[in-house]
């Protein structure tokens, strides 16, 4: 199968290597529906489909839109927070 893409499941360390997104940020993106969610491998283990991660990585326009949405949410939150005197 020459030229075929790798298939399978990766755990957190490999997910981070593929995406470059820190764990806490990744979970925030998942919770906002902006990144692929993990699949459960056992009671306390999860992984991500390589194909879904590659699709997410390969869609720069969508990724830029995602980061814009994250920035918009952060801006709204900081506007509502009043400084403590």
PDB file of N, CA and C in Angstrom:
ATOM      1  N   UNK A   1       0.820  -1.190   0.000  1.00  0.00           N
ATOM      2  CA  UNK A   1       0.000   0.000   0.000  1.00  0.00           C
ATOM      3  C   UNK A   1       0.860   1.247   0.000  1.00  0.00           C
ATOM      4  N   UNK A   2       1.541   1.454  -1.034  1.00  0.00           N
ATOM      5  CA  UNK A   2       2.417   2.604  -1.136  1.00  0.00           C
ATOM      6  C   UNK A   2       1.588   3.878  -1.266  1.00  0.00           C
ATOM      7  N   UNK A   3       1.975   4.912  -0.521  1.00  0.00           N
ATOM      8  CA  UNK A   3       1.293   6.201  -0.600  1.00  0.00           C
ATOM      9  C   UNK A   3       0.053   6.309   0.266  1.00  0.00           C
ATOM     10  N   UNK A   4      -0.279   5.257   1.011  1.00  0.00           N
ATOM     11  CA  UNK A   4      -1.463   5.347   1.853  1.00  0.00           C
ATOM     12  C   UNK A   4      -1.130   6.112   3.130  1.00  0.00           C
ATOM     13  N   UNK A   5      -2.141   6.764   3.667  1.00  0.00           N
ATOM     14  CA  UNK A   5      -1.957   7.532   4.902  1.00  0.00           C
ATOM     15  C   UNK A   5      -2.019   6.601   6.099  1.00  0.00           C
ATOM     16  N   UNK A   6      -1.312   6.950   7.177  1.00  0.00           N
ATOM     17  CA  UNK A   6      -1.386   6.117   8.375  1.00  0.00           C
ATOM     18  C   UNK A   6      -2.795   6.139   8.945  1.00  0.00           C
ATOM     19  N   UNK A   7      -3.221   4.986   9.433  1.00  0.00           N
ATOM     20  CA  UNK A   7      -4.541   4.880  10.030  1.00  0.00           C
ATOM     21  C   UNK A   7      -4.373   4.394  11.457  1.00  0.00           C
ATOM     22  N   UNK A   8      -5.369   4.658  12.247  1.00  0.00           N
ATOM     23  CA  UNK A   8      -5.314   4.167  13.613  1.00  0.00           C
ATOM     24  C   UNK A   8      -5.690   5.226  14.615  1.00  0.00           C
ATOM     25  N   UNK A   9      -5.253   4.969  15.830  1.00  0.00           N
ATOM     26  CA  UNK A   9      -5.598   5.815  16.969  1.00  0.00           C
ATOM     27  C   UNK A   9      -4.316   6.275  17.635  1.00  0.00           C
ATOM     28  N   UNK A  10      -4.299   7.533  18.068  1.00  0.00           N
ATOM     29  CA  UNK A  10      -3.155   8.056  18.817  1.00  0.00           C
ATOM     30  C   UNK A  10      -3.622   8.477  20.201  1.00  0.00           C
ATOM     31  N   UNK A  11      -2.695   8.417  21.141  1.00  0.00           N
ATOM     32  CA  UNK A  11      -2.974   8.859  22.503  1.00  0.00           C
ATOM     33  C   UNK A  11      -2.563  10.322  22.626  1.00  0.00           C
ATOM     34  N   UNK A  12      -2.647  10.882  23.835  1.00  0.00           N
ATOM     35  CA  UNK A  12      -2.435  12.321  24.058  1.00  0.00           C
ATOM     36  C   UNK A  12      -1.077  12.816  23.570  1.00  0.00           C
ATOM     37  N   UNK A  13      -0.009  12.121  23.871  1.00  0.00           N
ATOM     38  CA  UNK A  13       1.326  12.599  23.480  1.00  0.00           C
ATOM     39  C   UNK A  13       1.446  12.733  21.966  1.00  0.00           C
ATOM     40  N   UNK A  14       0.928  11.754  21.227  1.00  0.00           N
ATOM     41  CA  UNK A  14       0.987  11.823  19.773  1.00  0.00           C
ATOM     42  C   UNK A  14       0.018  12.866  19.222  1.00  0.00           C
ATOM     43  N   UNK A  15      -1.139  13.017  19.896  1.00  0.00           N
ATOM     44  CA  UNK A  15      -2.097  14.057  19.477  1.00  0.00           C
ATOM     45  C   UNK A  15      -1.446  15.430  19.570  1.00  0.00           C
ATOM     46  N   UNK A  16      -0.717  15.651  20.656  1.00  0.00           N
ATOM     47  CA  UNK A  16      -0.021  16.923  20.838  1.00  0.00           C
ATOM     48  C   UNK A  16       1.057  17.110  19.765  1.00  0.00           C
ATOM     49  N   UNK A  17       1.804  16.060  19.462  1.00  0.00           N
ATOM     50  CA  UNK A  17       2.836  16.158  18.429  1.00  0.00           C
ATOM     51  C   UNK A  17       2.224  16.487  17.071  1.00  0.00           C
ATOM     52  N   UNK A  18       1.088  15.900  16.759  1.00  0.00           N
ATOM     53  CA  UNK A  18       0.443  16.144  15.467  1.00  0.00           C
ATOM     54  C   UNK A  18      -0.148  17.544  15.355  1.00  0.00           C
ATOM     55  N   UNK A  19      -0.795  18.001  16.428  1.00  0.00           N
ATOM     56  CA  UNK A  19      -1.532  19.263  16.345  1.00  0.00           C
ATOM     57  C   UNK A  19      -0.760  20.466  16.874  1.00  0.00           C
ATOM     58  N   UNK A  20       0.133  20.237  17.842  1.00  0.00           N
ATOM     59  CA  UNK A  20       0.856  21.341  18.456  1.00  0.00           C
ATOM     60  C   UNK A  20       0.008  22.146  19.432  1.00  0.00           C
ATOM     61  N   UNK A  21      -1.176  21.644  19.743  1.00  0.00           N
ATOM     62  CA  UNK A  21      -2.090  22.352  20.644  1.00  0.00           C
ATOM     63  C   UNK A  21      -1.956  21.749  22.040  1.00  0.00           C
ATOM     64  N   UNK A  22      -1.669  22.572  23.059  1.00  0.00           N
ATOM     65  CA  UNK A  22      -1.542  22.059  24.426  1.00  0.00           C
ATOM     66  C   UNK A  22      -2.826  21.375  24.907  1.00  0.00           C
ATOM     67  N   UNK A  23      -2.668  20.478  25.842  1.00  0.00           N
ATOM     68  CA  UNK A  23      -3.781  19.650  26.315  1.00  0.00           C
ATOM     69  C   UNK A  23      -4.967  20.467  26.806  1.00  0.00           C
ATOM     70  N   UNK A  24      -4.728  21.430  27.682  1.00  0.00           N
ATOM     71  CA  UNK A  24      -5.857  22.190  28.236  1.00  0.00           C
ATOM     72  C   UNK A  24      -6.584  22.974  27.147  1.00  0.00           C
ATOM     73  N   UNK A  25      -5.844  23.534  26.219  1.00  0.00           N
ATOM     74  CA  UNK A  25      -6.459  24.264  25.101  1.00  0.00           C
ATOM     75  C   UNK A  25      -7.246  23.308  24.223  1.00  0.00           C
ATOM     76  N   UNK A  26      -6.682  22.124  23.992  1.00  0.00           N
ATOM     77  CA  UNK A  26      -7.361  21.131  23.151  1.00  0.00           C
ATOM     78  C   UNK A  26      -8.710  20.749  23.760  1.00  0.00           C
ATOM     79  N   UNK A  27      -8.729  20.520  25.082  1.00  0.00           N
ATOM     80  CA  UNK A  27      -9.993  20.156  25.726  1.00  0.00           C
ATOM     81  C   UNK A  27     -10.991  21.305  25.675  1.00  0.00           C
ATOM     82  N   UNK A  28     -10.519  22.543  25.774  1.00  0.00           N
ATOM     83  CA  UNK A  28     -11.414  23.691  25.620  1.00  0.00           C
ATOM     84  C   UNK A  28     -12.011  23.715  24.219  1.00  0.00           C
ATOM     85  N   UNK A  29     -11.181  23.457  23.212  1.00  0.00           N
ATOM     86  CA  UNK A  29     -11.662  23.419  21.826  1.00  0.00           C
ATOM     87  C   UNK A  29     -12.676  22.295  21.636  1.00  0.00           C
ATOM     88  N   UNK A  30     -12.403  21.133  22.199  1.00  0.00           N
ATOM     89  CA  UNK A  30     -13.342  20.010  22.109  1.00  0.00           C
ATOM     90  C   UNK A  30     -14.675  20.374  22.735  1.00  0.00           C
ATOM     91  N   UNK A  31     -14.627  20.952  23.931  1.00  0.00           N
ATOM     92  CA  UNK A  31     -15.865  21.307  24.633  1.00  0.00           C
ATOM     93  C   UNK A  31     -16.666  22.348  23.879  1.00  0.00           C
ATOM     94  N   UNK A  32     -15.983  23.178  23.102  1.00  0.00           N
ATOM     95  CA  UNK A  32     -16.669  24.183  22.290  1.00  0.00           C
ATOM     96  C   UNK A  32     -17.104  23.622  20.939  1.00  0.00           C
ATOM     97  N   UNK A  33     -16.796  22.362  20.676  1.00  0.00           N
ATOM     98  CA  UNK A  33     -17.170  21.741  19.411  1.00  0.00           C
ATOM     99  C   UNK A  33     -16.273  22.143  18.251  1.00  0.00           C
ATOM    100  N   UNK A  34     -15.053  22.604  18.551  1.00  0.00           N
ATOM    101  CA  UNK A  34     -14.159  23.124  17.524  1.00  0.00           C
ATOM    102  C   UNK A  34     -12.991  22.196  17.211  1.00  0.00           C
ATOM    103  N   UNK A  35     -12.932  21.037  17.845  1.00  0.00           N
ATOM    104  CA  UNK A  35     -11.858  20.080  17.603  1.00  0.00           C
ATOM    105  C   UNK A  35     -12.436  18.673  17.756  1.00  0.00           C
ATOM    106  N   UNK A  36     -11.809  17.689  17.107  1.00  0.00           N
ATOM    107  CA  UNK A  36     -12.308  16.318  17.220  1.00  0.00           C
ATOM    108  C   UNK A  36     -12.310  15.829  18.668  1.00  0.00           C
ATOM    109  N   UNK A  37     -13.370  15.132  19.019  1.00  0.00           N
ATOM    110  CA  UNK A  37     -13.478  14.563  20.362  1.00  0.00           C
ATOM    111  C   UNK A  37     -12.796  13.202  20.388  1.00  0.00           C
ATOM    112  N   UNK A  38     -12.337  12.791  21.563  1.00  0.00           N
ATOM    113  CA  UNK A  38     -11.660  11.501  21.666  1.00  0.00           C
ATOM    114  C   UNK A  38     -12.647  10.339  21.641  1.00  0.00           C
ATOM    115  N   UNK A  39     -12.105   9.162  21.413  1.00  0.00           N
ATOM    116  CA  UNK A  39     -12.890   7.944  21.573  1.00  0.00           C
ATOM    117  C   UNK A  39     -12.367   7.243  22.822  1.00  0.00           C
ATOM    118  N   UNK A  40     -13.254   6.594  23.533  1.00  0.00           N
ATOM    119  CA  UNK A  40     -12.871   5.920  24.776  1.00  0.00           C
ATOM    120  C   UNK A  40     -12.276   4.557  24.450  1.00  0.00           C
ATOM    121  N   UNK A  41     -11.094   4.313  24.992  1.00  0.00           N
ATOM    122  CA  UNK A  41     -10.384   3.058  24.765  1.00  0.00           C
ATOM    123  C   UNK A  41     -10.523   2.111  25.950  1.00  0.00           C
ATOM    124  N   UNK A  42     -10.867   2.653  27.079  1.00  0.00           N
ATOM    125  CA  UNK A  42     -11.015   1.880  28.304  1.00  0.00           C
ATOM    126  C   UNK A  42     -11.652   2.760  29.351  1.00  0.00           C
ATOM    127  N   UNK A  43     -11.616   2.321  30.584  1.00  0.00           N
ATOM    128  CA  UNK A  43     -12.232   3.108  31.647  1.00  0.00           C
ATOM    129  C   UNK A  43     -11.583   4.470  31.826  1.00  0.00           C
ATOM    130  N   UNK A  44     -10.248   4.523  31.707  1.00  0.00           N
ATOM    131  CA  UNK A  44      -9.543   5.781  31.941  1.00  0.00           C
ATOM    132  C   UNK A  44      -8.583   6.132  30.815  1.00  0.00           C
ATOM    133  N   UNK A  45      -8.870   5.700  29.617  1.00  0.00           N
ATOM    134  CA  UNK A  45      -7.974   6.027  28.508  1.00  0.00           C
ATOM    135  C   UNK A  45      -8.783   6.427  27.279  1.00  0.00           C
ATOM    136  N   UNK A  46      -8.248   7.405  26.579  1.00  0.00           N
ATOM    137  CA  UNK A  46      -8.886   7.888  25.357  1.00  0.00           C
ATOM    138  C   UNK A  46      -7.835   8.015  24.265  1.00  0.00           C
ATOM    139  N   UNK A  47      -8.316   8.127  23.064  1.00  0.00           N
ATOM    140  CA  UNK A  47      -7.433   8.346  21.922  1.00  0.00           C
ATOM    141  C   UNK A  47      -8.203   9.076  20.837  1.00  0.00           C
ATOM    142  N   UNK A  48      -7.489   9.485  19.824  1.00  0.00           N
ATOM    143  CA  UNK A  48      -8.095  10.196  18.708  1.00  0.00           C
ATOM    144  C   UNK A  48      -7.802   9.453  17.421  1.00  0.00           C
ATOM    145  N   UNK A  49      -8.752   9.474  16.499  1.00  0.00           N
ATOM    146  CA  UNK A  49      -8.525   8.868  15.193  1.00  0.00           C
ATOM    147  C   UNK A  49      -7.554   9.744  14.419  1.00  0.00           C
ATOM    148  N   UNK A  50      -6.525   9.129  13.896  1.00  0.00           N
ATOM    149  CA  UNK A  50      -5.534   9.881  13.116  1.00  0.00           C
ATOM    150  C   UNK A  50      -6.210  10.587  11.954  1.00  0.00           C
ATOM    151  N   UNK A  51      -7.145   9.927  11.312  1.00  0.00           N
ATOM    152  CA  UNK A  51      -7.823  10.524  10.154  1.00  0.00           C
ATOM    153  C   UNK A  51      -8.549  11.818  10.527  1.00  0.00           C
ATOM    154  N   UNK A  52      -9.180  11.852  11.702  1.00  0.00           N
ATOM    155  CA  UNK A  52      -9.882  13.065  12.141  1.00  0.00           C
ATOM    156  C   UNK A  52      -8.900  14.184  12.467  1.00  0.00           C
ATOM    157  N   UNK A  53      -7.787  13.825  13.103  1.00  0.00           N
ATOM    158  CA  UNK A  53      -6.777  14.837  13.415  1.00  0.00           C
ATOM    159  C   UNK A  53      -6.156  15.394  12.142  1.00  0.00           C
ATOM    160  N   UNK A  54      -5.857  14.520  11.180  1.00  0.00           N
ATOM    161  CA  UNK A  54      -5.280  14.981   9.919  1.00  0.00           C
ATOM    162  C   UNK A  54      -6.240  15.884   9.170  1.00  0.00           C
ATOM    163  N   UNK A  55      -7.519  15.550   9.221  1.00  0.00           N
ATOM    164  CA  UNK A  55      -8.533  16.393   8.580  1.00  0.00           C
ATOM    165  C   UNK A  55      -8.578  17.766   9.250  1.00  0.00           C
ATOM    166  N   UNK A  56      -8.522  17.786  10.580  1.00  0.00           N
ATOM    167  CA  UNK A  56      -8.551  19.046  11.327  1.00  0.00           C
ATOM    168  C   UNK A  56      -7.304  19.875  11.017  1.00  0.00           C
ATOM    169  N   UNK A  57      -6.149  19.221  10.962  1.00  0.00           N
ATOM    170  CA  UNK A  57      -4.888  19.906  10.659  1.00  0.00           C
ATOM    171  C   UNK A  57      -4.888  20.431   9.232  1.00  0.00           C
ATOM    172  N   UNK A  58      -5.451  19.652   8.319  1.00  0.00           N
ATOM    173  CA  UNK A  58      -5.411  19.995   6.904  1.00  0.00           C
ATOM    174  C   UNK A  58      -6.413  21.036   6.465  1.00  0.00           C
ATOM    175  N   UNK A  59      -7.191  21.552   7.374  1.00  0.00           N
ATOM    176  CA  UNK A  59      -8.202  22.547   7.026  1.00  0.00           C
ATOM    177  C   UNK A  59      -7.813  23.896   7.620  1.00  0.00           C
ATOM    178  N   UNK A  60      -6.784  24.582   7.053  1.00  0.00           N
ATOM    179  CA  UNK A  60      -6.320  25.833   7.662  1.00  0.00           C
ATOM    180  C   UNK A  60      -7.389  26.910   7.745  1.00  0.00           C
ATOM    181  N   UNK A  61      -8.260  27.001   6.761  1.00  0.00           N
ATOM    182  CA  UNK A  61      -9.299  28.033   6.824  1.00  0.00           C
ATOM    183  C   UNK A  61     -10.233  27.759   7.995  1.00  0.00           C
ATOM    184  N   UNK A  62     -10.590  26.503   8.184  1.00  0.00           N
ATOM    185  CA  UNK A  62     -11.444  26.136   9.311  1.00  0.00           C
ATOM    186  C   UNK A  62     -10.723  26.359  10.631  1.00  0.00           C
ATOM    187  N   UNK A  63      -9.425  26.042  10.678  1.00  0.00           N
ATOM    188  CA  UNK A  63      -8.651  26.220  11.901  1.00  0.00           C
ATOM    189  C   UNK A  63      -8.545  27.706  12.242  1.00  0.00           C
ATOM    190  N   UNK A  64      -8.322  28.557  11.245  1.00  0.00           N
ATOM    191  CA  UNK A  64      -8.272  29.996  11.492  1.00  0.00           C
ATOM    192  C   UNK A  64      -9.614  30.496  12.020  1.00  0.00           C
ATOM    193  N   UNK A  65     -10.699  29.973  11.463  1.00  0.00           N
ATOM    194  CA  UNK A  65     -12.035  30.337  11.926  1.00  0.00           C
ATOM    195  C   UNK A  65     -12.217  29.881  13.375  1.00  0.00           C
ATOM    196  N   UNK A  66     -11.718  28.690  13.682  1.00  0.00           N
ATOM    197  CA  UNK A  66     -11.796  28.161  15.041  1.00  0.00           C
ATOM    198  C   UNK A  66     -11.094  29.084  16.021  1.00  0.00           C
ATOM    199  N   UNK A  67      -9.859  29.482  15.709  1.00  0.00           N
ATOM    200  CA  UNK A  67      -9.102  30.358  16.607  1.00  0.00           C
ATOM    201  C   UNK A  67      -9.770  31.719  16.736  1.00  0.00           C
ATOM    202  N   UNK A  68     -10.414  32.188  15.659  1.00  0.00           N
ATOM    203  CA  UNK A  68     -11.143  33.454  15.736  1.00  0.00           C
ATOM    204  C   UNK A  68     -12.311  33.325  16.709  1.00  0.00           C
ATOM    205  N   UNK A  69     -13.011  32.185  16.651  1.00  0.00           N
ATOM    206  CA  UNK A  69     -14.127  31.952  17.565  1.00  0.00           C
ATOM    207  C   UNK A  69     -13.643  31.898  19.011  1.00  0.00           C
ATOM    208  N   UNK A  70     -12.519  31.238  19.234  1.00  0.00           N
ATOM    209  CA  UNK A  70     -11.951  31.173  20.586  1.00  0.00           C
ATOM    210  C   UNK A  70     -11.609  32.579  21.071  1.00  0.00           C
ATOM    211  N   UNK A  71     -11.000  33.377  20.204  1.00  0.00           N
ATOM    212  CA  UNK A  71     -10.656  34.756  20.558  1.00  0.00           C
ATOM    213  C   UNK A  71     -11.887  35.588  20.857  1.00  0.00           C
ATOM    214  N   UNK A  72     -12.956  35.391  20.085  1.00  0.00           N
ATOM    215  CA  UNK A  72     -14.199  36.121  20.314  1.00  0.00           C
ATOM    216  C   UNK A  72     -14.790  35.787  21.676  1.00  0.00           C
ATOM    217  N   UNK A  73     -14.778  34.520  22.035  1.00  0.00           N
ATOM    218  CA  UNK A  73     -15.299  34.092  23.335  1.00  0.00           C
ATOM    219  C   UNK A  73     -14.462  34.705  24.453  1.00  0.00           C
ATOM    220  N   UNK A  74     -13.138  34.655  24.314  1.00  0.00           N
ATOM    221  CA  UNK A  74     -12.252  35.221  25.334  1.00  0.00           C
ATOM    222  C   UNK A  74     -12.488  36.723  25.485  1.00  0.00           C
ATOM    223  N   UNK A  75     -12.690  37.412  24.377  1.00  0.00           N
ATOM    224  CA  UNK A  75     -12.928  38.862  24.428  1.00  0.00           C
ATOM    225  C   UNK A  75     -14.221  39.171  25.168  1.00  0.00           C
ATOM    226  N   UNK A  76     -15.272  38.393  24.915  1.00  0.00           N
ATOM    227  CA  UNK A  76     -16.546  38.616  25.598  1.00  0.00           C
ATOM    228  C   UNK A  76     -16.416  38.395  27.097  1.00  0.00           C
ATOM    229  N   UNK A  77     -15.667  37.366  27.462  1.00  0.00           N
ATOM    230  CA  UNK A  77     -15.484  37.068  28.890  1.00  0.00           C
ATOM    231  C   UNK A  77     -14.732  38.202  29.567  1.00  0.00           C
ATOM    232  N   UNK A  78     -13.656  38.692  28.949  1.00  0.00           N
ATOM    233  CA  UNK A  78     -12.873  39.756  29.583  1.00  0.00           C
ATOM    234  C   UNK A  78     -13.646  41.064  29.645  1.00  0.00           C
ATOM    235  N   UNK A  79     -14.560  41.290  28.728  1.00  0.00           N
ATOM    236  CA  UNK A  79     -15.382  42.499  28.781  1.00  0.00           C
ATOM    237  C   UNK A  79     -16.339  42.466  29.965  1.00  0.00           C
ATOM    238  N   UNK A  80     -16.804  41.266  30.330  1.00  0.00           N
ATOM    239  CA  UNK A  80     -17.746  41.132  31.428  1.00  0.00           C
ATOM    240  C   UNK A  80     -17.079  41.166  32.790  1.00  0.00           C
ATOM    241  N   UNK A  81     -15.798  40.900  32.831  1.00  0.00           N
ATOM    242  CA  UNK A  81     -15.072  40.873  34.095  1.00  0.00           C
ATOM    243  C   UNK A  81     -14.664  42.296  34.452  1.00  0.00           C
ATOM    244  N   UNK A  82     -15.009  42.716  35.641  1.00  0.00           N
ATOM    245  CA  UNK A  82     -14.668  44.072  36.086  1.00  0.00           C
ATOM    246  C   UNK A  82     -13.412  44.003  36.931  1.00  0.00           C
ATOM    247  N   UNK A  83     -12.497  44.947  36.749  1.00  0.00           N
ATOM    248  CA  UNK A  83     -11.283  44.927  37.541  1.00  0.00           C
ATOM    249  C   UNK A  83     -11.578  45.163  39.034  1.00  0.00           C
ATOM    250  N   UNK A  84     -10.787  44.518  39.859  1.00  0.00           N
ATOM    251  CA  UNK A  84     -10.920  44.684  41.309  1.00  0.00           C
ATOM    252  C   UNK A  84     -10.084  45.882  41.739  1.00  0.00           C
ATOM    253  N   UNK A  85     -10.689  46.790  42.455  1.00  0.00           N
ATOM    254  CA  UNK A  85      -9.963  47.971  42.909  1.00  0.00           C
ATOM    255  C   UNK A  85      -9.270  47.724  44.215  1.00  0.00           C
TER     256      UNK A  85
END
